[in-house]
């Protein structure tokens, strides 16, 4: 047995046949992004050209700690066969990054005869070389048993190394293409999620409408939502919520929860019953630790009374002119955790000069340049700072200051009443 480093001395000038083989293989690999089909053809061609009884390509699965056969040629199909990274001649080639030439496997202490016992194939000699990329070793390419009872030699080793280069390049290109396709798929899903979310948000109303809301996703899509709608008796129903988690799962759960909230709220149920009904529906279908923090309630514009139920959402802030602010904390747990829970109702009278502020924890989690979290106290200071502006300007200025900070999460604000001036 002998082993050759990956960077061996210069090879003698190859004959036209090896050059043609290398060119043919490189062209075939470069023209296809179907990795499996390409590798299958490649190992067949390599086995024939090198007069080997069998050939195979093993690629690394680092998470599982194994080399997995992705393509094979010969009397036995070993595609899917797994070899531990640290064992066998293939594992040695991978770990060392060096070519391995074994003329008699019976004399190599690392040779693992268990594979032969499993497959019925008898290995006498082998040649194995790493597949290199810019990110390290991708796997190994090996040929077994030179036909006619001959042994692999240094010229075979050099040829296999030359063939390994376009194979490794093709593997890298195919993986990049697969990643690009996956990114495009994710982009389409994100676009669909954004459209679904936007379709659920109520249209902005002008003319002094007493409810205003803004949503600013931390990423491309949001797990926050808000809604408001008119009831026949003149009240305005409203909801605001924050789905636990981020990404597509949170976005689709947000769509479902927002739809449930509107469906239950349109019946005009008292907020406690409204929340209880949504909670029961969500407990039947949610899993994996998912939950939603939300507020649901009604605003009566004639009486300027707000009544709501809070399921684990941050405290609501009531601000009046010339008076201390009031904080109304959640009295119910988040939705979707435990069925049969109670969600007590809370109520405030805005009178002529009151405004009620609702905000998701993306606002309180915002951090300044020093990394200090804003918190509820900091959010209250922002609200008081801009309380003299008209409602729409007030909300935009608060959000503007939040955006100049480091937003860790989706941020949603709602203003009810808004006559403080």
Protein backbone atom coordinates (compact mmCIF):
# COMPACT_ATOMS: atom_id res chain seq x y z
CA UNK A 1 0.00 0.00 0.00
CA UNK A 2 1.11 3.56 -0.67
CA UNK A 3 -0.54 6.96 -0.25
CA UNK A 4 0.02 10.06 -2.35
CA UNK A 5 -0.62 13.64 -1.20
CA UNK A 6 -3.21 15.71 -3.00
CA UNK A 7 -0.46 17.98 -4.30
CA UNK A 8 1.81 15.42 -5.96
CA UNK A 9 4.79 16.04 -8.23
CA UNK A 10 4.00 17.12 -11.81
CA UNK A 11 2.51 14.35 -13.87
CA UNK A 12 4.15 13.18 -17.09
CA UNK A 13 2.54 14.49 -20.25
CA UNK A 14 -0.72 12.61 -20.61
CA UNK A 15 -1.60 10.80 -23.77
CA UNK A 16 -4.36 12.03 -26.03
CA UNK A 17 -6.78 9.36 -24.70
CA UNK A 18 -6.71 10.58 -21.06
CA UNK A 19 -6.91 14.17 -22.27
CA UNK A 20 -9.96 13.32 -24.36
CA UNK A 21 -11.54 11.55 -21.39
CA UNK A 22 -10.94 14.51 -19.08
CA UNK A 23 -12.32 16.96 -21.65
CA UNK A 24 -15.35 14.76 -22.34
CA UNK A 25 -16.12 14.32 -18.66
CA UNK A 26 -15.64 18.00 -17.87
CA UNK A 27 -17.99 19.00 -20.68
CA UNK A 28 -20.65 16.47 -19.65
CA UNK A 29 -20.50 17.56 -16.01
CA UNK A 30 -20.52 21.26 -16.84
CA UNK A 31 -23.57 20.99 -19.09
CA UNK A 32 -25.88 19.41 -16.50
CA UNK A 33 -27.25 20.62 -13.19
CA UNK A 34 -28.91 17.26 -12.45
CA UNK A 35 -26.29 16.04 -10.02
CA UNK A 36 -27.60 12.50 -9.63
CA UNK A 37 -27.91 11.79 -13.36
CA UNK A 38 -24.56 13.39 -14.12
CA UNK A 39 -22.67 11.49 -11.43
CA UNK A 40 -24.23 8.20 -12.49
CA UNK A 41 -23.01 8.67 -16.06
CA UNK A 42 -19.64 9.92 -14.84
CA UNK A 43 -18.83 6.89 -12.69
CA UNK A 44 -19.79 4.57 -15.54
CA UNK A 45 -17.44 6.41 -17.88
CA UNK A 46 -14.64 6.53 -15.29
CA UNK A 47 -14.92 2.79 -14.53
CA UNK A 48 -14.69 1.96 -18.23
CA UNK A 49 -11.81 4.34 -18.94
CA UNK A 50 -9.77 3.13 -15.97
CA UNK A 51 -10.55 -0.54 -16.65
CA UNK A 52 -12.03 -0.90 -13.19
CA UNK A 53 -14.60 -3.45 -12.12
CA UNK A 54 -16.44 -0.82 -10.07
CA UNK A 55 -16.43 2.90 -9.34
CA UNK A 56 -18.32 5.07 -6.87
CA UNK A 57 -18.73 8.62 -5.60
CA UNK A 58 -19.26 9.24 -1.88
CA UNK A 59 -20.35 12.69 -0.63
CA UNK A 60 -20.10 13.85 2.95
CA UNK A 61 -23.09 14.33 5.23
CA UNK A 62 -21.49 16.31 8.05
CA UNK A 63 -24.62 16.38 10.20
CA UNK A 64 -24.80 12.58 10.24
CA UNK A 65 -21.01 12.13 10.30
CA UNK A 66 -20.97 9.78 7.30
CA UNK A 67 -19.96 9.46 3.66
CA UNK A 68 -22.98 8.55 1.52
CA UNK A 69 -22.66 6.84 -1.85
CA UNK A 70 -24.43 9.03 -4.43
CA UNK A 71 -23.47 7.11 -7.60
CA UNK A 72 -21.92 3.72 -8.38
CA UNK A 73 -20.98 1.55 -11.36
CA UNK A 74 -20.27 -2.18 -11.30
CA UNK A 75 -21.96 -5.47 -10.50
CA UNK A 76 -23.40 -4.20 -7.21
CA UNK A 77 -25.47 -1.03 -6.73
CA UNK A 78 -24.30 0.60 -3.48
CA UNK A 79 -26.08 3.95 -3.85
CA UNK A 80 -27.20 5.02 -0.39
CA UNK A 81 -24.46 3.06 1.39
CA UNK A 82 -23.10 5.00 4.36
CA UNK A 83 -19.54 4.88 5.68
CA UNK A 84 -18.41 6.53 8.93
CA UNK A 85 -16.17 9.51 8.23
CA UNK A 86 -13.27 8.14 10.22
CA UNK A 87 -13.22 4.54 8.97
CA UNK A 88 -12.09 2.65 5.91
CA UNK A 89 -9.82 3.75 3.11
CA UNK A 90 -12.46 6.17 1.83
CA UNK A 91 -12.72 7.74 5.28
CA UNK A 92 -8.94 8.01 5.40
CA UNK A 93 -8.86 9.78 2.03
CA UNK A 94 -11.54 12.19 3.20
CA UNK A 95 -9.97 12.91 6.58
CA UNK A 96 -6.41 13.30 5.29
CA UNK A 97 -7.22 15.03 2.01
CA UNK A 98 -4.73 12.67 0.36
CA UNK A 99 -4.99 10.22 -2.52
CA UNK A 100 -4.98 6.57 -1.46
CA UNK A 101 -3.57 3.77 -3.61
CA UNK A 102 -4.06 0.30 -2.08
CA UNK A 103 -2.68 -2.51 -4.24
CA UNK A 104 -3.69 -5.28 -1.83
CA UNK A 105 -6.54 -4.51 0.56
CA UNK A 106 -5.77 -7.57 2.69
CA UNK A 107 -2.60 -5.80 3.83
CA UNK A 108 -4.28 -2.47 4.65
CA UNK A 109 -5.35 -2.24 8.31
CA UNK A 110 -7.99 0.40 7.52
CA UNK A 111 -9.80 -1.65 4.89
CA UNK A 112 -13.31 -2.53 6.06
CA UNK A 113 -14.30 -5.95 4.75
CA UNK A 114 -17.82 -5.55 6.17
CA UNK A 115 -18.97 -3.77 3.01
CA UNK A 116 -17.86 -6.74 0.87
CA UNK A 117 -19.72 -9.09 3.20
CA UNK A 118 -22.88 -7.00 2.83
CA UNK A 119 -22.70 -6.66 -0.96
CA UNK A 120 -21.05 -9.91 -2.05
CA UNK A 121 -18.44 -7.97 -4.04
CA UNK A 122 -14.79 -8.90 -3.48
CA UNK A 123 -12.40 -5.98 -3.35
CA UNK A 124 -8.76 -6.78 -4.17
CA UNK A 125 -7.30 -3.33 -4.81
CA UNK A 126 -8.58 0.21 -4.88
CA UNK A 127 -7.73 3.77 -5.72
CA UNK A 128 -9.45 6.62 -3.88
CA UNK A 129 -9.07 10.39 -4.17
CA UNK A 130 -10.71 13.31 -2.34
CA UNK A 131 -13.09 15.67 -4.12
CA UNK A 132 -11.95 19.21 -3.34
CA UNK A 133 -13.92 22.46 -3.51
CA UNK A 134 -13.29 25.96 -2.29
CA UNK A 135 -15.08 25.01 0.95
CA UNK A 136 -13.05 21.88 1.66
CA UNK A 137 -13.45 18.19 0.85
CA UNK A 138 -16.87 17.31 -0.57
CA UNK A 139 -16.35 13.55 -0.60
CA UNK A 140 -14.30 10.90 -2.40
CA UNK A 141 -14.11 9.24 -5.81
CA UNK A 142 -12.90 5.65 -5.90
CA UNK A 143 -12.33 2.80 -8.35
CA UNK A 144 -12.00 -0.88 -7.40
CA UNK A 145 -10.16 -3.85 -8.94
CA UNK A 146 -8.36 -3.17 -12.20
CA UNK A 147 -9.51 -5.69 -14.80
CA UNK A 148 -7.33 -8.50 -16.06
CA UNK A 149 -5.74 -9.02 -12.68
CA UNK A 150 -3.66 -5.87 -13.10
CA UNK A 151 -2.90 -3.38 -10.34
CA UNK A 152 -3.55 0.34 -10.26
CA UNK A 153 -0.38 2.37 -10.60
CA UNK A 154 0.76 5.96 -10.34
CA UNK A 155 -0.51 6.86 -13.81
CA UNK A 156 -3.97 5.64 -12.78
CA UNK A 157 -3.71 7.69 -9.63
CA UNK A 158 -2.83 10.85 -11.57
CA UNK A 159 -5.64 10.26 -14.03
CA UNK A 160 -8.19 9.75 -11.26
CA UNK A 161 -7.04 12.96 -9.61
CA UNK A 162 -7.51 14.79 -12.90
CA UNK A 163 -11.01 13.34 -13.29
CA UNK A 164 -11.90 14.28 -9.72
CA UNK A 165 -11.43 18.01 -10.40
CA UNK A 166 -14.35 18.47 -12.88
CA UNK A 167 -16.47 16.11 -10.79
CA UNK A 168 -15.96 18.25 -7.69
CA UNK A 169 -16.68 21.41 -9.67
CA UNK A 170 -19.90 19.90 -11.03
CA UNK A 171 -21.02 18.91 -7.52
CA UNK A 172 -20.41 22.45 -6.26
CA UNK A 173 -22.28 23.96 -9.23
CA UNK A 174 -25.22 21.61 -8.79
CA UNK A 175 -25.47 22.47 -5.11
CA UNK A 176 -25.36 26.18 -5.89
CA UNK A 177 -28.10 25.68 -8.48
CA UNK A 178 -30.20 23.76 -5.95
CA UNK A 179 -29.72 26.53 -3.39
CA UNK A 180 -30.74 29.10 -6.00
CA UNK A 181 -33.90 27.14 -6.80
CA UNK A 182 -34.69 26.86 -3.08
CA UNK A 183 -34.16 30.60 -2.63
CA UNK A 184 -36.53 31.28 -5.51
CA UNK A 185 -39.13 28.97 -3.98
CA UNK A 186 -38.81 30.73 -0.64
CA UNK A 187 -39.10 34.10 -2.39
CA UNK A 188 -42.37 33.00 -4.01
CA UNK A 189 -43.70 31.74 -0.67
CA UNK A 190 -42.69 34.97 1.04
CA UNK A 191 -44.42 37.00 -1.67
CA UNK A 192 -47.57 34.92 -1.26
CA UNK A 193 -47.41 35.35 2.52
CA UNK A 194 -47.01 39.13 2.17
CA UNK A 195 -50.01 39.33 -0.16
CA UNK A 196 -52.11 37.26 2.23
CA UNK A 197 -51.11 39.45 5.15
CA UNK A 198 -51.82 42.69 3.33
CA UNK A 199 -55.23 41.41 2.26
CA UNK A 200 -56.15 40.93 5.93
CA UNK A 201 -55.14 44.39 7.12
CA UNK A 202 -58.07 46.84 7.04
CA UNK A 203 -57.98 49.73 4.64
CA UNK A 204 -56.93 53.01 6.10
CA UNK A 205 -59.88 55.28 6.87
CA UNK A 206 -59.73 59.03 6.79
CA UNK A 207 -62.05 61.75 7.95
CA UNK A 208 -61.29 61.54 11.66
CA UNK A 209 -61.78 57.79 12.05
CA UNK A 210 -61.03 57.12 15.74
CA UNK A 211 -58.79 54.06 15.25
CA UNK A 212 -55.35 54.19 13.68
CA UNK A 213 -52.78 51.41 13.37
CA UNK A 214 -49.36 50.76 11.81
CA UNK A 215 -47.39 47.55 11.32
CA UNK A 216 -43.64 47.37 10.66
CA UNK A 217 -42.23 43.86 10.04
CA UNK A 218 -38.74 43.21 11.38
CA UNK A 219 -38.14 41.05 8.29
CA UNK A 220 -39.97 40.54 5.01
CA UNK A 221 -43.13 39.15 6.60
CA UNK A 222 -44.77 39.78 9.93
CA UNK A 223 -46.15 37.68 12.74
CA UNK A 224 -48.10 40.70 14.04
CA UNK A 225 -51.59 41.69 12.91
CA UNK A 226 -54.30 44.23 13.58
CA UNK A 227 -57.87 44.70 12.42
CA UNK A 228 -60.93 46.88 12.96
CA UNK A 229 -64.48 46.68 11.64
CA UNK A 230 -67.90 48.28 12.10
CA UNK A 231 -70.78 46.64 13.94
CA UNK A 232 -74.47 47.38 13.22
CA UNK A 233 -74.93 49.10 16.58
CA UNK A 234 -72.25 51.71 15.79
CA UNK A 235 -69.44 50.18 17.82
CA UNK A 236 -66.08 49.47 16.25
CA UNK A 237 -64.52 46.07 16.83
CA UNK A 238 -60.73 45.90 16.97
CA UNK A 239 -58.00 43.30 17.37
CA UNK A 240 -54.23 43.38 17.63
CA UNK A 241 -51.99 40.36 18.01
CA UNK A 242 -48.49 38.93 18.02
CA UNK A 243 -47.79 35.35 16.94
CA UNK A 244 -44.93 33.60 18.72
CA UNK A 245 -42.01 32.90 16.39
CA UNK A 246 -40.80 34.26 13.07
CA UNK A 247 -40.70 33.29 9.42
CA UNK A 248 -43.27 31.54 7.27
CA UNK A 249 -44.75 29.41 10.06
CA UNK A 250 -45.51 32.52 12.13
CA UNK A 251 -46.83 34.34 9.06
CA UNK A 252 -49.31 31.63 8.15
CA UNK A 253 -50.40 31.25 11.77
CA UNK A 254 -50.92 35.01 11.85
CA UNK A 255 -53.22 34.73 8.81
CA UNK A 256 -55.26 32.01 10.47
CA UNK A 257 -55.51 33.77 13.83
CA UNK A 258 -56.44 37.13 12.30
CA UNK A 259 -59.21 35.43 10.31
CA UNK A 260 -60.53 33.67 13.42
CA UNK A 261 -60.51 36.91 15.40
CA UNK A 262 -62.56 38.72 12.77
CA UNK A 263 -64.97 35.80 12.37
CA UNK A 264 -65.70 35.65 16.11
CA UNK A 265 -65.74 39.43 16.62
CA UNK A 266 -68.30 40.05 13.88
CA UNK A 267 -70.90 38.33 16.05
CA UNK A 268 -70.62 41.13 18.62
CA UNK A 269 -69.85 38.73 21.47
CA UNK A 270 -68.54 40.24 24.71
CA UNK A 271 -64.72 40.33 24.54
CA UNK A 272 -64.37 37.59 27.18
CA UNK A 273 -66.51 35.20 25.10
CA UNK A 274 -64.89 36.38 21.89
CA UNK A 275 -61.44 35.47 23.19
CA UNK A 276 -62.64 32.19 24.70
CA UNK A 277 -64.08 31.06 21.37
CA UNK A 278 -60.87 31.85 19.47
CA UNK A 279 -58.81 30.16 22.17
CA UNK A 280 -60.84 26.95 21.89
CA UNK A 281 -60.44 26.88 18.11
CA UNK A 282 -56.69 27.45 18.34
CA UNK A 283 -56.13 24.90 21.09
CA UNK A 284 -57.67 22.25 18.83
CA UNK A 285 -55.22 22.86 16.00
CA UNK A 286 -52.03 24.46 17.33
CA UNK A 287 -49.02 22.46 18.39
CA UNK A 288 -45.24 22.64 18.76
CA UNK A 289 -45.45 25.33 21.44
CA UNK A 290 -47.20 27.89 19.20
CA UNK A 291 -49.30 30.58 20.82
CA UNK A 292 -50.64 34.08 20.16
CA UNK A 293 -50.74 37.15 22.38
CA UNK A 294 -53.70 39.34 21.46
CA UNK A 295 -56.22 41.98 22.46
CA UNK A 296 -59.80 42.04 21.22
CA UNK A 297 -62.50 44.55 22.07
CA UNK A 298 -64.91 47.30 21.05
CA UNK A 299 -64.84 51.08 20.98
CA UNK A 300 -68.13 52.96 21.30
CA UNK A 301 -67.51 56.34 19.58
CA UNK A 302 -70.65 57.94 21.07
CA UNK A 303 -69.84 57.08 24.66
CA UNK A 304 -66.05 57.00 24.06
CA UNK A 305 -65.84 53.81 26.06
CA UNK A 306 -63.41 51.00 25.25
CA UNK A 307 -63.94 47.46 26.53
CA UNK A 308 -61.52 44.63 25.79
CA UNK A 309 -59.94 41.34 26.86
CA UNK A 310 -56.18 40.92 26.89
CA UNK A 311 -54.59 37.51 26.23
CA UNK A 312 -50.94 37.90 27.21
CA UNK A 313 -50.42 41.10 25.22
CA UNK A 314 -48.31 44.01 26.59
CA UNK A 315 -50.18 46.49 28.80
CA UNK A 316 -52.46 49.06 27.23
CA UNK A 317 -51.58 52.66 28.03
CA UNK A 318 -54.28 55.29 28.70
CA UNK A 319 -53.11 58.87 28.41
CA UNK A 320 -55.16 61.98 29.27
CA UNK A 321 -54.27 65.66 29.29
CA UNK A 322 -52.87 66.91 32.55
CA UNK A 323 -53.21 63.50 34.20
CA UNK A 324 -50.93 60.61 35.02
CA UNK A 325 -50.95 57.74 32.56
CA UNK A 326 -52.69 54.46 33.34
CA UNK A 327 -51.33 51.01 32.52
CA UNK A 328 -53.76 48.12 32.04
CA UNK A 329 -52.00 44.77 32.13
CA UNK A 330 -53.14 41.49 30.62
CA UNK A 331 -55.51 39.45 32.78
CA UNK A 332 -55.65 36.37 30.53
CA UNK A 333 -53.02 33.93 29.17
CA UNK A 334 -51.92 33.80 25.51
CA UNK A 335 -54.23 32.05 23.06
CA UNK A 336 -53.69 28.45 21.99
CA UNK A 337 -52.02 27.10 25.12
CA UNK A 338 -54.77 25.76 27.39
CA UNK A 339 -58.43 25.26 26.54
CA UNK A 340 -61.18 26.47 28.86
CA UNK A 341 -59.35 29.57 30.07
CA UNK A 342 -61.06 32.80 31.18
CA UNK A 343 -60.26 36.17 29.67
CA UNK A 344 -61.57 38.91 32.01
CA UNK A 345 -62.86 42.10 30.46
CA UNK A 346 -61.37 45.52 31.13
CA UNK A 347 -62.91 48.91 30.41
CA UNK A 348 -61.94 52.59 30.28
CA UNK A 349 -63.82 55.79 29.56
CA UNK A 350 -61.75 57.99 27.28
CA UNK A 351 -63.96 61.01 28.03
CA UNK A 352 -63.08 64.03 25.88
CA UNK A 353 -59.31 63.97 26.08
CA UNK A 354 -58.25 60.33 26.45
CA UNK A 355 -56.31 58.14 24.05
CA UNK A 356 -55.60 54.41 24.40
CA UNK A 357 -52.34 52.99 23.04
CA UNK A 358 -51.75 49.35 22.15
CA UNK A 359 -48.36 48.04 21.01
CA UNK A 360 -46.76 44.66 20.44
CA UNK A 361 -43.58 43.69 22.28
CA UNK A 362 -41.54 44.55 19.19
CA UNK A 363 -41.84 48.14 20.42
CA UNK A 364 -40.73 47.45 23.97
CA UNK A 365 -37.93 45.14 22.76
CA UNK A 366 -36.37 47.88 20.60
CA UNK A 367 -32.81 48.72 21.70
CA UNK A 368 -30.76 51.88 21.56
CA UNK A 369 -27.17 52.13 20.35
CA UNK A 370 -25.90 50.91 23.70
CA UNK A 371 -28.14 47.84 23.48
CA UNK A 372 -30.48 49.00 26.23
CA UNK A 373 -34.04 47.75 25.78
CA UNK A 374 -36.75 50.40 25.53
CA UNK A 375 -39.25 48.59 27.79
CA UNK A 376 -42.74 49.72 28.75
CA UNK A 377 -41.40 52.79 30.58
CA UNK A 378 -39.44 53.89 27.53
CA UNK A 379 -42.45 53.34 25.30
CA UNK A 380 -44.58 55.46 27.64
CA UNK A 381 -41.97 58.23 27.42
CA UNK A 382 -42.17 58.13 23.62
CA UNK A 383 -45.96 58.33 23.73
CA UNK A 384 -45.89 61.30 26.09
CA UNK A 385 -43.22 63.02 24.01
CA UNK A 386 -45.43 63.07 20.92
CA UNK A 387 -48.86 63.34 22.56
CA UNK A 388 -49.46 66.92 21.36
CA UNK A 389 -49.40 66.01 17.67
CA UNK A 390 -52.43 65.10 15.58
CA UNK A 391 -53.22 61.37 15.78
CA UNK A 392 -51.76 60.28 12.42
CA UNK A 393 -48.63 62.39 12.86
CA UNK A 394 -48.31 61.18 16.43
CA UNK A 395 -48.29 57.53 15.40
CA UNK A 396 -45.86 58.10 12.54
CA UNK A 397 -43.43 59.99 14.78
CA UNK A 398 -43.48 57.24 17.40
CA UNK A 399 -42.83 54.59 14.74
CA UNK A 400 -40.12 56.80 13.22
CA UNK A 401 -38.23 56.89 16.49
CA UNK A 402 -38.61 53.14 16.93
CA UNK A 403 -37.21 52.51 13.45
CA UNK A 404 -34.09 54.50 14.30
CA UNK A 405 -33.48 51.95 17.05
CA UNK A 406 -32.60 48.27 16.62
CA UNK A 407 -35.90 46.48 16.12
CA UNK A 408 -35.61 42.86 17.23
CA UNK A 409 -39.16 41.85 16.32
CA UNK A 410 -42.24 42.86 14.35
CA UNK A 411 -43.76 46.07 15.69
CA UNK A 412 -47.43 47.03 15.61
CA UNK A 413 -49.07 50.08 17.17
CA UNK A 414 -52.73 51.01 17.51
CA UNK A 415 -54.23 54.28 18.74
CA UNK A 416 -57.87 54.49 19.88
CA UNK A 417 -59.55 57.82 20.54
CA UNK A 418 -56.56 59.97 19.82
CA UNK A 419 -58.07 63.36 20.68
CA UNK A 420 -55.27 64.40 23.02
CA UNK A 421 -53.91 67.64 21.54
